[in-house]
Amino acid sequence: MSIERDEVCIFIPTLNEAPTIGRLIQEFQERGFHHILVMDGNSIDGTPEIAQAAGAIVRKQTGKGKGNAIIEAIEIIDKPYVLMLDGDGTNSPEDAERMLEPLGRGFDHVIGDRLANPEEGAFTRLNHLGNHIINLMFRIAHGRDLRDILSGYRAFTLHSIRQMTLKETGFEIETEMAVEAVRHGQRIAVVPVRYYARSGTATKLNPLHDGIGILSTIYRLAKTNNPIFYFGIIGLLISLAGGVIGIYVVLEWLKNIEHLPLTILTVLLIVVGFQIFMFGVISDMLLGFHREIIRQIEELQNPPKPPR
């Protein structure tokens, strides 16, 4: 099934994107996309005025951060399909059809893989390494290889995005979207896209601060999506602490020096660590049972159509 352009809302969150936003909107209109929503984070460089003059619908977000822009936009979008991209000129409208095509084949969520074909200079070495580390962490914690979970170039059905419970207000929002898509069992496609170096706009991302925040989000959200990983890490660290203290106690005991309080602490740490790990195992079993029940309920609500 092909998707008509009138069924698509081009959604662009912006903050001080004056050098690029006008041309970006024009390129989408030239390709036949006329429903363009710009959610502006209170730019001070004239971005809203440029976007409106170019033909976009402009709304100013009430909260701060890219996450808030996405959360607020979801409430007002009324088209069945959404194509979201950054307004800094790093994403290409030429990839729009390629991004939307999987939705026509029944996929719920499409991620544009920037790492597959970046322009020279689009990533610093630190950013490129950080992206790979974050994607590896996500694959370990959530069991899916989505190639580029931090990509801001995404396509999704309005139903799938409203199915998500989004709370992150900053740059962690893409990570949360990926986690929620996996948690709800959505059909996710990854499409290689162009990624250009910035042209006239400064990055809002702090590699160290935001990188730590994103890794923290991946781990924190694993509590409900992969509890055996979340609690297993805690249990392992506590047990390791007990093991290290235990080695010291044994070495001292071989010298005929007894440390009764440390011996008790060693046993407690190992036992508590094991119990936390087992709690993760039990939580994982309950989560699997819950997902099976939800799947059966959805099958009852949407029974397969008999063949003609």
C-alpha atoms as a PDB file:
ATOM      1  CA  MET A   1       0.000   0.000   0.000  1.00  0.00           C
ATOM      2  CA  SER A   2       1.375   3.392  -0.983  1.00  0.00           C
ATOM      3  CA  ILE A   3       1.014   6.323   1.383  1.00  0.00           C
ATOM      4  CA  GLU A   4      -0.492   9.516  -0.007  1.00  0.00           C
ATOM      5  CA  ARG A   5       1.376  12.701   0.815  1.00  0.00           C
ATOM      6  CA  ASP A   6      -1.791  14.301   2.197  1.00  0.00           C
ATOM      7  CA  GLU A   7      -1.835  11.566   4.852  1.00  0.00           C
ATOM      8  CA  VAL A   8       1.579  12.578   6.173  1.00  0.00           C
ATOM      9  CA  CYS A   9       2.475  15.253   8.710  1.00  0.00           C
ATOM     10  CA  ILE A  10       6.066  16.447   8.408  1.00  0.00           C
ATOM     11  CA  PHE A  11       7.013  17.256  11.992  1.00  0.00           C
ATOM     12  CA  ILE A  12      10.095  19.379  12.735  1.00  0.00           C
ATOM     13  CA  PRO A  13      11.086  20.330  16.293  1.00  0.00           C
ATOM     14  CA  THR A  14      13.245  23.457  16.191  1.00  0.00           C
ATOM     15  CA  LEU A  15      15.409  25.696  18.328  1.00  0.00           C
ATOM     16  CA  ASN A  16      17.327  28.481  16.586  1.00  0.00           C
ATOM     17  CA  GLU A  17      17.409  26.874  13.119  1.00  0.00           C
ATOM     18  CA  ALA A  18      17.051  30.093  11.072  1.00  0.00           C
ATOM     19  CA  PRO A  19      19.835  29.283   8.548  1.00  0.00           C
ATOM     20  CA  THR A  20      18.244  25.974   7.478  1.00  0.00           C
ATOM     21  CA  ILE A  21      14.528  25.808   8.322  1.00  0.00           C
ATOM     22  CA  GLY A  22      13.191  27.831   5.376  1.00  0.00           C
ATOM     23  CA  ARG A  23      14.951  25.786   2.708  1.00  0.00           C
ATOM     24  CA  LEU A  24      14.034  22.531   4.475  1.00  0.00           C
ATOM     25  CA  ILE A  25      10.312  23.352   4.400  1.00  0.00           C
ATOM     26  CA  GLN A  26      10.533  24.459   0.783  1.00  0.00           C
ATOM     27  CA  GLU A  27      12.142  21.159  -0.254  1.00  0.00           C
ATOM     28  CA  PHE A  28       9.344  19.166   1.364  1.00  0.00           C
ATOM     29  CA  GLN A  29       6.712  21.282  -0.356  1.00  0.00           C
ATOM     30  CA  GLU A  30       8.441  20.747  -3.689  1.00  0.00           C
ATOM     31  CA  ARG A  31       8.121  17.014  -3.068  1.00  0.00           C
ATOM     32  CA  GLY A  32       4.373  17.344  -2.487  1.00  0.00           C
ATOM     33  CA  PHE A  33       4.285  17.390   1.319  1.00  0.00           C
ATOM     34  CA  HIS A  34       2.151  20.335   2.392  1.00  0.00           C
ATOM     35  CA  HIS A  35       1.211  19.390   5.959  1.00  0.00           C
ATOM     36  CA  ILE A  36       4.272  20.615   7.832  1.00  0.00           C
ATOM     37  CA  LEU A  37       4.252  21.239  11.588  1.00  0.00           C
ATOM     38  CA  VAL A  38       7.071  23.118  13.295  1.00  0.00           C
ATOM     39  CA  MET A  39       7.144  22.919  17.084  1.00  0.00           C
ATOM     40  CA  ASP A  40       9.493  25.671  18.173  1.00  0.00           C
ATOM     41  CA  GLY A  41      11.307  25.737  21.501  1.00  0.00           C
ATOM     42  CA  ASN A  42      11.209  29.551  21.827  1.00  0.00           C
ATOM     43  CA  SER A  43      13.902  30.401  19.282  1.00  0.00           C
ATOM     44  CA  ILE A  44      15.420  33.873  19.420  1.00  0.00           C
ATOM     45  CA  ASP A  45      16.797  33.986  15.853  1.00  0.00           C
ATOM     46  CA  GLY A  46      13.529  34.303  13.929  1.00  0.00           C
ATOM     47  CA  THR A  47      13.047  30.595  13.217  1.00  0.00           C
ATOM     48  CA  PRO A  48       9.234  30.646  13.796  1.00  0.00           C
ATOM     49  CA  GLU A  49       8.716  33.592  11.470  1.00  0.00           C
ATOM     50  CA  ILE A  50      10.862  32.020   8.717  1.00  0.00           C
ATOM     51  CA  ALA A  51       9.026  28.697   9.052  1.00  0.00           C
ATOM     52  CA  GLN A  52       5.607  30.338   8.925  1.00  0.00           C
ATOM     53  CA  ALA A  53       6.553  32.432   5.906  1.00  0.00           C
ATOM     54  CA  ALA A  54       7.721  29.261   4.168  1.00  0.00           C
ATOM     55  CA  GLY A  55       4.282  27.709   4.626  1.00  0.00           C
ATOM     56  CA  ALA A  56       4.554  25.617   7.784  1.00  0.00           C
ATOM     57  CA  ILE A  57       2.146  25.567  10.715  1.00  0.00           C
ATOM     58  CA  VAL A  58       4.131  26.850  13.697  1.00  0.00           C
ATOM     59  CA  ARG A  59       3.424  26.161  17.362  1.00  0.00           C
ATOM     60  CA  LYS A  60       5.493  27.249  20.323  1.00  0.00           C
ATOM     61  CA  GLN A  61       6.077  24.569  22.920  1.00  0.00           C
ATOM     62  CA  THR A  62       5.280  25.330  26.534  1.00  0.00           C
ATOM     63  CA  GLY A  63       8.051  23.195  28.053  1.00  0.00           C
ATOM     64  CA  LYS A  64      11.767  23.095  27.349  1.00  0.00           C
ATOM     65  CA  GLY A  65      13.698  20.432  25.478  1.00  0.00           C
ATOM     66  CA  LYS A  66      13.245  18.295  22.386  1.00  0.00           C
ATOM     67  CA  GLY A  67      11.331  15.675  24.346  1.00  0.00           C
ATOM     68  CA  ASN A  68       8.679  18.156  25.362  1.00  0.00           C
ATOM     69  CA  ALA A  69       8.380  19.343  21.758  1.00  0.00           C
ATOM     70  CA  ILE A  70       7.618  15.793  20.602  1.00  0.00           C
ATOM     71  CA  ILE A  71       5.216  15.057  23.451  1.00  0.00           C
ATOM     72  CA  GLU A  72       3.255  18.280  22.828  1.00  0.00           C
ATOM     73  CA  ALA A  73       3.177  17.753  19.044  1.00  0.00           C
ATOM     74  CA  ILE A  74       1.706  14.255  19.368  1.00  0.00           C
ATOM     75  CA  GLU A  75      -1.414  15.769  20.932  1.00  0.00           C
ATOM     76  CA  ILE A  76      -2.155  18.072  17.996  1.00  0.00           C
ATOM     77  CA  ILE A  77      -1.112  16.011  14.962  1.00  0.00           C
ATOM     78  CA  ASP A  78      -4.190  14.657  13.147  1.00  0.00           C
ATOM     79  CA  LYS A  79      -2.633  12.839  10.185  1.00  0.00           C
ATOM     80  CA  PRO A  80      -2.327   9.016  10.267  1.00  0.00           C
ATOM     81  CA  TYR A  81       1.405   9.092   9.401  1.00  0.00           C
ATOM     82  CA  VAL A  82       4.202  11.239  10.804  1.00  0.00           C
ATOM     83  CA  LEU A  83       7.682  11.914   9.432  1.00  0.00           C
ATOM     84  CA  MET A  84       9.887  13.543  12.061  1.00  0.00           C
ATOM     85  CA  LEU A  85      13.283  15.087  11.433  1.00  0.00           C
ATOM     86  CA  ASP A  86      15.618  17.711  12.845  1.00  0.00           C
ATOM     87  CA  GLY A  87      15.514  21.245  11.516  1.00  0.00           C
ATOM     88  CA  ASP A  88      19.280  21.781  11.348  1.00  0.00           C
ATOM     89  CA  GLY A  89      19.750  20.582   7.767  1.00  0.00           C
ATOM     90  CA  THR A  90      21.497  17.329   8.678  1.00  0.00           C
ATOM     91  CA  ASN A  91      18.573  15.219   7.368  1.00  0.00           C
ATOM     92  CA  SER A  92      17.551  15.128   3.715  1.00  0.00           C
ATOM     93  CA  PRO A  93      13.968  15.438   2.380  1.00  0.00           C
ATOM     94  CA  GLU A  94      15.150  13.203  -0.476  1.00  0.00           C
ATOM     95  CA  ASP A  95      14.917  10.282   1.958  1.00  0.00           C
ATOM     96  CA  ALA A  96      11.270  10.998   2.842  1.00  0.00           C
ATOM     97  CA  GLU A  97       9.752   8.402   0.498  1.00  0.00           C
ATOM     98  CA  ARG A  98      12.289   5.799   1.591  1.00  0.00           C
ATOM     99  CA  MET A  99      11.399   6.450   5.238  1.00  0.00           C
ATOM    100  CA  LEU A 100       7.638   6.230   4.636  1.00  0.00           C
ATOM    101  CA  GLU A 101       7.682   3.160   2.415  1.00  0.00           C
ATOM    102  CA  PRO A 102       7.916   0.596   5.281  1.00  0.00           C
ATOM    103  CA  LEU A 103       4.809   2.119   6.899  1.00  0.00           C
ATOM    104  CA  GLY A 104       2.886   1.248   3.749  1.00  0.00           C
ATOM    105  CA  ARG A 105       4.044  -2.363   4.209  1.00  0.00           C
ATOM    106  CA  GLY A 106       2.660  -2.546   7.734  1.00  0.00           C
ATOM    107  CA  PHE A 107       5.563  -1.401   9.870  1.00  0.00           C
ATOM    108  CA  ASP A 108       4.772   0.807  12.864  1.00  0.00           C
ATOM    109  CA  HIS A 109       8.040   2.660  13.379  1.00  0.00           C
ATOM    110  CA  VAL A 110      10.921   3.520  11.047  1.00  0.00           C
ATOM    111  CA  ILE A 111      14.360   4.679  12.163  1.00  0.00           C
ATOM    112  CA  GLY A 112      16.702   6.476   9.766  1.00  0.00           C
ATOM    113  CA  ASP A 113      20.192   5.036  10.181  1.00  0.00           C
ATOM    114  CA  ARG A 114      22.573   8.009  10.010  1.00  0.00           C
ATOM    115  CA  LEU A 115      25.617   5.860  10.754  1.00  0.00           C
ATOM    116  CA  ALA A 116      25.247   3.948   7.486  1.00  0.00           C
ATOM    117  CA  ASN A 117      26.065   6.867   5.184  1.00  0.00           C
ATOM    118  CA  PRO A 118      27.296  10.015   6.967  1.00  0.00           C
ATOM    119  CA  GLU A 119      28.883  12.877   5.110  1.00  0.00           C
ATOM    120  CA  GLU A 120      32.532  13.452   5.938  1.00  0.00           C
ATOM    121  CA  GLY A 121      32.697  15.704   8.984  1.00  0.00           C
ATOM    122  CA  ALA A 122      29.088  15.049  10.032  1.00  0.00           C
ATOM    123  CA  PHE A 123      30.333  13.147  13.109  1.00  0.00           C
ATOM    124  CA  THR A 124      33.355  13.844  15.238  1.00  0.00           C
ATOM    125  CA  ARG A 125      35.336  10.760  16.251  1.00  0.00           C
ATOM    126  CA  LEU A 126      33.985  11.108  19.791  1.00  0.00           C
ATOM    127  CA  ASN A 127      30.377  11.318  18.590  1.00  0.00           C
ATOM    128  CA  HIS A 128      30.822   8.372  16.241  1.00  0.00           C
ATOM    129  CA  LEU A 129      32.338   6.225  19.006  1.00  0.00           C
ATOM    130  CA  GLY A 130      29.687   7.351  21.487  1.00  0.00           C
ATOM    131  CA  ASN A 131      26.881   6.388  19.104  1.00  0.00           C
ATOM    132  CA  HIS A 132      28.279   2.886  18.665  1.00  0.00           C
ATOM    133  CA  ILE A 133      28.698   2.421  22.430  1.00  0.00           C
ATOM    134  CA  ILE A 134      25.137   3.583  23.075  1.00  0.00           C
ATOM    135  CA  ASN A 135      23.728   1.293  20.373  1.00  0.00           C
ATOM    136  CA  LEU A 136      25.688  -1.646  21.798  1.00  0.00           C
ATOM    137  CA  MET A 137      24.364  -0.880  25.276  1.00  0.00           C
ATOM    138  CA  PHE A 138      20.818  -0.735  23.926  1.00  0.00           C
ATOM    139  CA  ARG A 139      21.238  -4.061  22.125  1.00  0.00           C
ATOM    140  CA  ILE A 140      22.464  -5.726  25.319  1.00  0.00           C
ATOM    141  CA  ALA A 141      19.831  -4.149  27.571  1.00  0.00           C
ATOM    142  CA  HIS A 142      16.781  -4.424  25.299  1.00  0.00           C
ATOM    143  CA  GLY A 143      17.612  -7.294  22.973  1.00  0.00           C
ATOM    144  CA  ARG A 144      17.192  -5.467  19.642  1.00  0.00           C
ATOM    145  CA  ASP A 145      19.764  -4.109  17.217  1.00  0.00           C
ATOM    146  CA  LEU A 146      18.189  -0.889  15.906  1.00  0.00           C
ATOM    147  CA  ARG A 147      21.495   0.411  14.462  1.00  0.00           C
ATOM    148  CA  ASP A 148      20.964   4.091  15.362  1.00  0.00           C
ATOM    149  CA  ILE A 149      18.628   4.661  18.312  1.00  0.00           C
ATOM    150  CA  LEU A 150      19.648   8.328  18.611  1.00  0.00           C
ATOM    151  CA  SER A 151      18.498   9.205  15.112  1.00  0.00           C
ATOM    152  CA  GLY A 152      16.093  12.123  14.932  1.00  0.00           C
ATOM    153  CA  TYR A 153      14.885  11.046  11.478  1.00  0.00           C
ATOM    154  CA  ARG A 154      11.882   8.798  12.102  1.00  0.00           C
ATOM    155  CA  ALA A 155       8.583   7.811  10.570  1.00  0.00           C
ATOM    156  CA  PHE A 156       5.702   6.270  12.467  1.00  0.00           C
ATOM    157  CA  THR A 157       1.975   5.822  12.481  1.00  0.00           C
ATOM    158  CA  LEU A 158       0.034   8.155  14.730  1.00  0.00           C
ATOM    159  CA  HIS A 159      -1.375   5.102  16.516  1.00  0.00           C
ATOM    160  CA  SER A 160       2.078   3.699  17.301  1.00  0.00           C
ATOM    161  CA  ILE A 161       3.430   6.969  18.715  1.00  0.00           C
ATOM    162  CA  ARG A 162       0.335   7.514  20.849  1.00  0.00           C
ATOM    163  CA  GLN A 163       0.711   3.975  22.126  1.00  0.00           C
ATOM    164  CA  MET A 164       3.983   5.012  23.764  1.00  0.00           C
ATOM    165  CA  THR A 165       4.285   6.471  27.244  1.00  0.00           C
ATOM    166  CA  LEU A 166       6.820   9.257  26.696  1.00  0.00           C
ATOM    167  CA  LYS A 167       8.190  11.218  29.648  1.00  0.00           C
ATOM    168  CA  GLU A 168      11.753  12.240  28.763  1.00  0.00           C
ATOM    169  CA  THR A 169      11.995  15.967  28.084  1.00  0.00           C
ATOM    170  CA  GLY A 170      15.474  16.243  26.575  1.00  0.00           C
ATOM    171  CA  PHE A 171      17.691  14.400  24.099  1.00  0.00           C
ATOM    172  CA  GLU A 172      16.890  11.107  25.816  1.00  0.00           C
ATOM    173  CA  ILE A 173      13.528  11.131  24.009  1.00  0.00           C
ATOM    174  CA  GLU A 174      14.805   9.143  20.986  1.00  0.00           C
ATOM    175  CA  THR A 175      16.110   6.463  23.334  1.00  0.00           C
ATOM    176  CA  GLU A 176      12.770   6.330  25.133  1.00  0.00           C
ATOM    177  CA  MET A 177      10.928   6.053  21.802  1.00  0.00           C
ATOM    178  CA  ALA A 178      13.112   3.087  20.830  1.00  0.00           C
ATOM    179  CA  VAL A 179      12.527   1.400  24.185  1.00  0.00           C
ATOM    180  CA  GLU A 180       8.769   1.969  24.021  1.00  0.00           C
ATOM    181  CA  ALA A 181       8.600   0.629  20.459  1.00  0.00           C
ATOM    182  CA  VAL A 182      10.356  -2.556  21.576  1.00  0.00           C
ATOM    183  CA  ARG A 183       8.271  -2.830  24.751  1.00  0.00           C
ATOM    184  CA  HIS A 184       5.000  -2.645  22.817  1.00  0.00           C
ATOM    185  CA  GLY A 185       6.173  -5.155  20.243  1.00  0.00           C
ATOM    186  CA  GLN A 186       5.932  -2.674  17.385  1.00  0.00           C
ATOM    187  CA  ARG A 187       7.203  -3.646  13.950  1.00  0.00           C
ATOM    188  CA  ILE A 188      10.366  -1.568  13.517  1.00  0.00           C
ATOM    189  CA  ALA A 189      12.252  -0.991  10.259  1.00  0.00           C
ATOM    190  CA  VAL A 190      15.712   0.564   9.965  1.00  0.00           C
ATOM    191  CA  VAL A 191      16.438   2.508   6.775  1.00  0.00           C
ATOM    192  CA  PRO A 192      19.862   3.924   5.794  1.00  0.00           C
ATOM    193  CA  VAL A 193      19.661   7.689   5.224  1.00  0.00           C
ATOM    194  CA  ARG A 194      21.979  10.523   4.333  1.00  0.00           C
ATOM    195  CA  TYR A 195      23.440  12.545   7.173  1.00  0.00           C
ATOM    196  CA  TYR A 196      25.024  15.901   6.414  1.00  0.00           C
ATOM    197  CA  ALA A 197      27.411  18.080   8.367  1.00  0.00           C
ATOM    198  CA  ARG A 198      25.774  21.020  10.107  1.00  0.00           C
ATOM    199  CA  SER A 199      25.449  24.177   8.065  1.00  0.00           C
ATOM    200  CA  GLY A 200      25.228  27.384  10.064  1.00  0.00           C
ATOM    201  CA  THR A 201      23.651  25.932  13.213  1.00  0.00           C
ATOM    202  CA  ALA A 202      25.390  24.960  16.444  1.00  0.00           C
ATOM    203  CA  THR A 203      24.785  21.611  18.078  1.00  0.00           C
ATOM    204  CA  LYS A 204      22.698  21.596  21.262  1.00  0.00           C
ATOM    205  CA  LEU A 205      24.097  18.227  22.317  1.00  0.00           C
ATOM    206  CA  ASN A 206      26.760  18.011  25.017  1.00  0.00           C
ATOM    207  CA  PRO A 207      28.581  14.742  24.194  1.00  0.00           C
ATOM    208  CA  LEU A 208      29.628  13.926  27.762  1.00  0.00           C
ATOM    209  CA  HIS A 209      26.638  15.179  29.750  1.00  0.00           C
ATOM    210  CA  ASP A 210      23.957  14.020  27.327  1.00  0.00           C
ATOM    211  CA  GLY A 211      25.807  10.773  26.594  1.00  0.00           C
ATOM    212  CA  ILE A 212      25.786   9.847  30.275  1.00  0.00           C
ATOM    213  CA  GLY A 213      22.096  10.808  30.454  1.00  0.00           C
ATOM    214  CA  ILE A 214      21.252   8.602  27.470  1.00  0.00           C
ATOM    215  CA  LEU A 215      23.150   5.592  28.880  1.00  0.00           C
ATOM    216  CA  SER A 216      21.376   6.146  32.202  1.00  0.00           C
ATOM    217  CA  THR A 217      18.030   6.199  30.397  1.00  0.00           C
ATOM    218  CA  ILE A 218      18.798   2.931  28.573  1.00  0.00           C
ATOM    219  CA  TYR A 219      19.616   1.248  31.886  1.00  0.00           C
ATOM    220  CA  ARG A 220      16.733   2.783  33.849  1.00  0.00           C
ATOM    221  CA  LEU A 221      14.102   1.863  31.271  1.00  0.00           C
ATOM    222  CA  ALA A 222      15.367  -1.729  31.243  1.00  0.00           C
ATOM    223  CA  LYS A 223      13.630  -2.135  34.619  1.00  0.00           C
ATOM    224  CA  THR A 224      10.279  -2.620  32.865  1.00  0.00           C
ATOM    225  CA  ASN A 225      11.513  -3.956  29.525  1.00  0.00           C
ATOM    226  CA  ASN A 226      14.319  -6.325  30.570  1.00  0.00           C
ATOM    227  CA  PRO A 227      14.255  -6.745  34.376  1.00  0.00           C
ATOM    228  CA  ILE A 228      16.753  -9.595  34.421  1.00  0.00           C
ATOM    229  CA  PHE A 229      19.343  -7.204  32.950  1.00  0.00           C
ATOM    230  CA  TYR A 230      18.411  -4.326  35.274  1.00  0.00           C
ATOM    231  CA  PHE A 231      18.373  -6.317  38.522  1.00  0.00           C
ATOM    232  CA  GLY A 232      21.108  -8.671  37.335  1.00  0.00           C
ATOM    233  CA  ILE A 233      23.594  -5.791  37.107  1.00  0.00           C
ATOM    234  CA  ILE A 234      22.730  -4.628  40.635  1.00  0.00           C
ATOM    235  CA  GLY A 235      22.926  -8.159  42.017  1.00  0.00           C
ATOM    236  CA  LEU A 236      26.228  -8.836  40.257  1.00  0.00           C
ATOM    237  CA  LEU A 237      27.851  -5.656  41.598  1.00  0.00           C
ATOM    238  CA  ILE A 238      26.727  -6.390  45.162  1.00  0.00           C
ATOM    239  CA  SER A 239      27.928 -10.000  44.910  1.00  0.00           C
ATOM    240  CA  LEU A 240      31.266  -8.866  43.474  1.00  0.00           C
ATOM    241  CA  ALA A 241      31.701  -6.466  46.385  1.00  0.00           C
ATOM    242  CA  GLY A 242      31.034  -9.377  48.739  1.00  0.00           C
ATOM    243  CA  GLY A 243      33.469 -11.569  46.821  1.00  0.00           C
ATOM    244  CA  VAL A 244      36.274  -8.973  47.020  1.00  0.00           C
ATOM    245  CA  ILE A 245      35.779  -8.565  50.764  1.00  0.00           C
ATOM    246  CA  GLY A 246      35.604 -12.365  51.067  1.00  0.00           C
ATOM    247  CA  ILE A 247      38.999 -12.765  49.372  1.00  0.00           C
ATOM    248  CA  TYR A 248      40.491 -10.298  51.848  1.00  0.00           C
ATOM    249  CA  VAL A 249      38.914 -12.186  54.770  1.00  0.00           C
ATOM    250  CA  VAL A 250      40.307 -15.526  53.523  1.00  0.00           C
ATOM    251  CA  LEU A 251      43.790 -14.100  53.025  1.00  0.00           C
ATOM    252  CA  GLU A 252      43.733 -12.648  56.533  1.00  0.00           C
ATOM    253  CA  TRP A 253      42.422 -15.936  57.942  1.00  0.00           C
ATOM    254  CA  LEU A 254      45.385 -17.745  56.402  1.00  0.00           C
ATOM    255  CA  LYS A 255      47.553 -15.415  58.508  1.00  0.00           C
ATOM    256  CA  ASN A 256      45.532 -16.444  61.592  1.00  0.00           C
ATOM    257  CA  ILE A 257      43.783 -13.066  61.668  1.00  0.00           C
ATOM    258  CA  GLU A 258      40.024 -13.251  62.082  1.00  0.00           C
ATOM    259  CA  HIS A 259      37.592 -10.561  60.847  1.00  0.00           C
ATOM    260  CA  LEU A 260      34.195 -11.691  62.088  1.00  0.00           C
ATOM    261  CA  PRO A 261      32.274  -8.491  61.114  1.00  0.00           C
ATOM    262  CA  LEU A 262      33.759  -8.584  57.600  1.00  0.00           C
ATOM    263  CA  THR A 263      32.919 -12.278  57.313  1.00  0.00           C
ATOM    264  CA  ILE A 264      29.285 -11.536  58.152  1.00  0.00           C
ATOM    265  CA  LEU A 265      29.274  -8.619  55.696  1.00  0.00           C
ATOM    266  CA  THR A 266      30.697 -10.866  52.965  1.00  0.00           C
ATOM    267  CA  VAL A 267      27.951 -13.444  53.418  1.00  0.00           C
ATOM    268  CA  LEU A 268      25.259 -10.768  53.519  1.00  0.00           C
ATOM    269  CA  LEU A 269      26.466  -9.078  50.334  1.00  0.00           C
ATOM    270  CA  ILE A 270      26.669 -12.341  48.396  1.00  0.00           C
ATOM    271  CA  VAL A 271      23.237 -13.484  49.606  1.00  0.00           C
ATOM    272  CA  VAL A 272      21.600 -10.104  48.906  1.00  0.00           C
ATOM    273  CA  GLY A 273      23.208  -9.924  45.462  1.00  0.00           C
ATOM    274  CA  PHE A 274      21.938 -13.406  44.615  1.00  0.00           C
ATOM    275  CA  GLN A 275      18.441 -12.542  45.864  1.00  0.00           C
ATOM    276  CA  ILE A 276      18.314  -9.383  43.730  1.00  0.00           C
ATOM    277  CA  PHE A 277      19.423 -11.388  40.699  1.00  0.00           C
ATOM    278  CA  MET A 278      16.683 -13.960  41.340  1.00  0.00           C
ATOM    279  CA  PHE A 279      14.173 -11.143  41.708  1.00  0.00           C
ATOM    280  CA  GLY A 280      15.169 -10.086  38.189  1.00  0.00           C
ATOM    281  CA  VAL A 281      14.620 -13.646  36.926  1.00  0.00           C
ATOM    282  CA  ILE A 282      11.147 -13.784  38.490  1.00  0.00           C
ATOM    283  CA  SER A 283      10.285 -10.309  37.123  1.00  0.00           C
ATOM    284  CA  ASP A 284      11.383 -11.420  33.659  1.00  0.00           C
ATOM    285  CA  MET A 285       9.078 -14.448  33.871  1.00  0.00           C
ATOM    286  CA  LEU A 286       6.163 -12.233  34.932  1.00  0.00           C
ATOM    287  CA  LEU A 287       6.905  -9.802  32.113  1.00  0.00           C
ATOM    288  CA  GLY A 288       6.883 -12.635  29.578  1.00  0.00           C
ATOM    289  CA  PHE A 289       3.531 -13.835  30.958  1.00  0.00           C
ATOM    290  CA  HIS A 290       2.144 -10.291  30.784  1.00  0.00           C
ATOM    291  CA  ARG A 291       3.237  -9.865  27.163  1.00  0.00           C
ATOM    292  CA  GLU A 292       1.625 -13.164  26.199  1.00  0.00           C
ATOM    293  CA  ILE A 293      -1.668 -12.110  27.811  1.00  0.00           C
ATOM    294  CA  ILE A 294      -1.573  -8.762  25.981  1.00  0.00           C
ATOM    295  CA  ARG A 295      -0.868 -10.545  22.687  1.00  0.00           C
ATOM    296  CA  GLN A 296      -3.829 -12.858  23.185  1.00  0.00           C
ATOM    297  CA  ILE A 297      -6.118  -9.945  24.068  1.00  0.00           C
ATOM    298  CA  GLU A 298      -5.047  -8.090  20.907  1.00  0.00           C
ATOM    299  CA  GLU A 299      -5.700 -11.215  18.819  1.00  0.00           C
ATOM    300  CA  LEU A 300      -9.210 -11.465  20.282  1.00  0.00           C
ATOM    301  CA  GLN A 301      -9.858  -7.784  19.585  1.00  0.00           C
ATOM    302  CA  ASN A 302      -8.453  -7.983  16.050  1.00  0.00           C
ATOM    303  CA  PRO A 303      -9.098 -11.501  14.723  1.00  0.00           C
ATOM    304  CA  PRO A 304      -7.427 -12.362  11.398  1.00  0.00           C
ATOM    305  CA  LYS A 305      -9.623 -11.888   8.361  1.00  0.00           C
ATOM    306  CA  PRO A 306     -10.678 -15.135   6.653  1.00  0.00           C
ATOM    307  CA  PRO A 307      -9.202 -15.657   3.166  1.00  0.00           C
ATOM    308  CA  ARG A 308     -11.463 -14.791   0.291  1.00  0.00           C
END
